[in-house]
Amino acid sequence: MTLIDNVRSLTDRLRMRAHQDGTPPEPWTELPDDPLHPTIDNTRRFLIAHHEHELHHDVNDAYETVTTTATYVDGLGEQIELGPWSLTVREARRLGLSLLDLADAADPTHTGGA
């Protein structure tokens, strides 16, 4: 293992530990490998932005944290990771508009805002 490999390994472990402690990495830092979002030939993934949402899992009758992350993947470009799924930026925008349309249909008296 070369010096740069050792530094990268240590950096990945520190980022993963910080993430496990509840502190997300800084934007544009390289993300460690993620089994939910595997890449070909260990292609590098970079964090752009990160959000977490508490959603109700109906079968389990419990709230669960769903992570949403904007990433940049070398050779692929920008994508949105929603739980175990990945979407193009265009698909993510369409999903957002679809959710707004559904919320407006369910609550037609709502006048804006969250």
C-alpha atoms as a PDB file:
ATOM      1  CA  MET A   1       0.000   0.000   0.000  1.00  0.00           C
ATOM      2  CA  THR A   2       1.391   3.387  -0.992  1.00  0.00           C
ATOM      3  CA  LEU A   3       1.461   6.459   1.191  1.00  0.00           C
ATOM      4  CA  ILE A   4      -1.465   7.999  -0.705  1.00  0.00           C
ATOM      5  CA  ASP A   5      -3.462   4.774  -0.189  1.00  0.00           C
ATOM      6  CA  ASN A   6      -2.759   4.944   3.548  1.00  0.00           C
ATOM      7  CA  VAL A   7      -3.840   8.589   3.711  1.00  0.00           C
ATOM      8  CA  ARG A   8      -7.009   7.856   1.722  1.00  0.00           C
ATOM      9  CA  SER A   9      -7.835   4.885   3.969  1.00  0.00           C
ATOM     10  CA  LEU A  10      -7.347   6.945   7.120  1.00  0.00           C
ATOM     11  CA  THR A  11      -9.406   9.817   5.689  1.00  0.00           C
ATOM     12  CA  ASP A  12     -12.230   7.428   4.759  1.00  0.00           C
ATOM     13  CA  ARG A  13     -12.237   5.948   8.261  1.00  0.00           C
ATOM     14  CA  LEU A  14     -12.311   9.403   9.869  1.00  0.00           C
ATOM     15  CA  ARG A  15     -15.169  10.537   7.600  1.00  0.00           C
ATOM     16  CA  MET A  16     -17.126   7.368   8.312  1.00  0.00           C
ATOM     17  CA  ARG A  17     -16.595   7.789  12.071  1.00  0.00           C
ATOM     18  CA  ALA A  18     -17.723  11.430  11.880  1.00  0.00           C
ATOM     19  CA  HIS A  19     -20.790  10.388   9.875  1.00  0.00           C
ATOM     20  CA  GLN A  20     -21.620   7.647  12.380  1.00  0.00           C
ATOM     21  CA  ASP A  21     -21.314  10.219  15.177  1.00  0.00           C
ATOM     22  CA  GLY A  22     -24.029  12.262  13.442  1.00  0.00           C
ATOM     23  CA  THR A  23     -21.751  14.835  11.834  1.00  0.00           C
ATOM     24  CA  PRO A  24     -22.056  14.683   8.044  1.00  0.00           C
ATOM     25  CA  PRO A  25     -18.917  15.348   6.013  1.00  0.00           C
ATOM     26  CA  GLU A  26     -18.282  18.792   4.553  1.00  0.00           C
ATOM     27  CA  PRO A  27     -19.580  19.487   1.013  1.00  0.00           C
ATOM     28  CA  TRP A  28     -17.341  18.304  -1.820  1.00  0.00           C
ATOM     29  CA  THR A  29     -15.521  15.761   0.324  1.00  0.00           C
ATOM     30  CA  GLU A  30     -15.088  12.279  -1.052  1.00  0.00           C
ATOM     31  CA  LEU A  31     -17.592   9.814   0.382  1.00  0.00           C
ATOM     32  CA  PRO A  32     -16.588   6.355   1.576  1.00  0.00           C
ATOM     33  CA  ASP A  33     -17.845   3.307  -0.328  1.00  0.00           C
ATOM     34  CA  ASP A  34     -21.535   2.728   0.326  1.00  0.00           C
ATOM     35  CA  PRO A  35     -23.078  -0.718  -0.181  1.00  0.00           C
ATOM     36  CA  LEU A  36     -26.433   0.967  -0.928  1.00  0.00           C
ATOM     37  CA  HIS A  37     -24.810   2.930  -3.766  1.00  0.00           C
ATOM     38  CA  PRO A  38     -22.041   0.773  -5.235  1.00  0.00           C
ATOM     39  CA  THR A  39     -19.917   2.189  -8.028  1.00  0.00           C
ATOM     40  CA  ILE A  40     -18.000   0.499 -10.816  1.00  0.00           C
ATOM     41  CA  ASP A  41     -14.265   0.099 -10.168  1.00  0.00           C
ATOM     42  CA  ASN A  42     -14.498   2.101  -6.920  1.00  0.00           C
ATOM     43  CA  THR A  43     -15.417   5.295  -8.749  1.00  0.00           C
ATOM     44  CA  ARG A  44     -15.209   8.262  -6.416  1.00  0.00           C
ATOM     45  CA  ARG A  45     -18.401   9.859  -5.023  1.00  0.00           C
ATOM     46  CA  PHE A  46     -18.442  13.384  -3.600  1.00  0.00           C
ATOM     47  CA  LEU A  47     -20.972  14.928  -1.237  1.00  0.00           C
ATOM     48  CA  ILE A  48     -22.779  18.040  -2.492  1.00  0.00           C
ATOM     49  CA  ALA A  49     -25.557  18.275   0.119  1.00  0.00           C
ATOM     50  CA  HIS A  50     -27.269  16.006   2.649  1.00  0.00           C
ATOM     51  CA  HIS A  51     -30.732  15.924   4.262  1.00  0.00           C
ATOM     52  CA  GLU A  52     -32.534  13.478   6.520  1.00  0.00           C
ATOM     53  CA  HIS A  53     -36.296  12.981   6.711  1.00  0.00           C
ATOM     54  CA  GLU A  54     -38.364  11.088   9.259  1.00  0.00           C
ATOM     55  CA  LEU A  55     -40.921   9.059   7.303  1.00  0.00           C
ATOM     56  CA  HIS A  56     -43.533   6.669   8.629  1.00  0.00           C
ATOM     57  CA  HIS A  57     -42.980   3.045   7.579  1.00  0.00           C
ATOM     58  CA  ASP A  58     -46.538   1.740   7.484  1.00  0.00           C
ATOM     59  CA  VAL A  59     -45.729  -1.986   7.720  1.00  0.00           C
ATOM     60  CA  ASN A  60     -43.447  -1.478  10.728  1.00  0.00           C
ATOM     61  CA  ASP A  61     -45.718   1.247  12.190  1.00  0.00           C
ATOM     62  CA  ALA A  62     -42.645   3.274  13.061  1.00  0.00           C
ATOM     63  CA  TYR A  63     -40.824   6.355  11.877  1.00  0.00           C
ATOM     64  CA  GLU A  64     -37.526   5.766  10.105  1.00  0.00           C
ATOM     65  CA  THR A  65     -34.823   8.142   8.958  1.00  0.00           C
ATOM     66  CA  VAL A  66     -34.495   8.338   5.186  1.00  0.00           C
ATOM     67  CA  THR A  67     -31.298   9.934   3.951  1.00  0.00           C
ATOM     68  CA  THR A  68     -31.284  12.074   0.823  1.00  0.00           C
ATOM     69  CA  THR A  69     -27.955  13.113  -0.606  1.00  0.00           C
ATOM     70  CA  ALA A  70     -26.880  15.107  -3.628  1.00  0.00           C
ATOM     71  CA  THR A  71     -23.676  13.548  -4.931  1.00  0.00           C
ATOM     72  CA  TYR A  72     -21.238  13.935  -7.775  1.00  0.00           C
ATOM     73  CA  VAL A  73     -19.926  10.648  -9.183  1.00  0.00           C
ATOM     74  CA  ASP A  74     -16.808  10.676 -11.359  1.00  0.00           C
ATOM     75  CA  GLY A  75     -17.745   9.804 -14.932  1.00  0.00           C
ATOM     76  CA  LEU A  76     -21.481   9.979 -14.202  1.00  0.00           C
ATOM     77  CA  GLY A  77     -22.100  13.473 -12.879  1.00  0.00           C
ATOM     78  CA  GLU A  78     -24.630  14.750 -10.372  1.00  0.00           C
ATOM     79  CA  GLN A  79     -27.264  12.480  -8.892  1.00  0.00           C
ATOM     80  CA  ILE A  80     -29.649  12.372  -5.963  1.00  0.00           C
ATOM     81  CA  GLU A  81     -29.539   9.395  -3.611  1.00  0.00           C
ATOM     82  CA  LEU A  82     -32.863   8.798  -1.858  1.00  0.00           C
ATOM     83  CA  GLY A  83     -32.513   5.952   0.612  1.00  0.00           C
ATOM     84  CA  PRO A  84     -31.323   3.013  -1.505  1.00  0.00           C
ATOM     85  CA  TRP A  85     -32.440   4.639  -4.790  1.00  0.00           C
ATOM     86  CA  SER A  86     -30.563   6.961  -7.135  1.00  0.00           C
ATOM     87  CA  LEU A  87     -32.224   9.539  -9.366  1.00  0.00           C
ATOM     88  CA  THR A  88     -30.972  11.918 -11.984  1.00  0.00           C
ATOM     89  CA  VAL A  89     -31.342  15.569 -11.073  1.00  0.00           C
ATOM     90  CA  ARG A  90     -34.219  15.776 -13.569  1.00  0.00           C
ATOM     91  CA  GLU A  91     -35.980  12.771 -12.011  1.00  0.00           C
ATOM     92  CA  ALA A  92     -35.542  14.273  -8.533  1.00  0.00           C
ATOM     93  CA  ARG A  93     -37.157  17.524  -9.663  1.00  0.00           C
ATOM     94  CA  ARG A  94     -40.061  15.592 -11.208  1.00  0.00           C
ATOM     95  CA  LEU A  95     -40.485  13.629  -7.963  1.00  0.00           C
ATOM     96  CA  GLY A  96     -40.487  16.879  -5.963  1.00  0.00           C
ATOM     97  CA  LEU A  97     -43.161  18.401  -8.213  1.00  0.00           C
ATOM     98  CA  SER A  98     -45.178  15.195  -8.045  1.00  0.00           C
ATOM     99  CA  LEU A  99     -45.096  15.247  -4.234  1.00  0.00           C
ATOM    100  CA  LEU A 100     -46.196  18.890  -4.229  1.00  0.00           C
ATOM    101  CA  ASP A 101     -49.075  18.067  -6.593  1.00  0.00           C
ATOM    102  CA  LEU A 102     -50.175  15.165  -4.389  1.00  0.00           C
ATOM    103  CA  ALA A 103     -49.947  17.282  -1.222  1.00  0.00           C
ATOM    104  CA  ASP A 104     -51.989  20.047  -2.890  1.00  0.00           C
ATOM    105  CA  ALA A 105     -54.608  17.503  -3.967  1.00  0.00           C
ATOM    106  CA  ALA A 106     -54.801  16.067  -0.446  1.00  0.00           C
ATOM    107  CA  ASP A 107     -54.904  19.515   1.208  1.00  0.00           C
ATOM    108  CA  PRO A 108     -56.410  21.988  -1.292  1.00  0.00           C
ATOM    109  CA  THR A 109     -56.816  24.716   1.361  1.00  0.00           C
ATOM    110  CA  HIS A 110     -53.045  24.970   1.955  1.00  0.00           C
ATOM    111  CA  THR A 111     -51.756  28.365   0.864  1.00  0.00           C
ATOM    112  CA  GLY A 112     -47.997  27.824   0.593  1.00  0.00           C
ATOM    113  CA  GLY A 113     -44.956  27.140   2.695  1.00  0.00           C
ATOM    114  CA  ALA A 114     -43.989  23.878   4.317  1.00  0.00           C
END
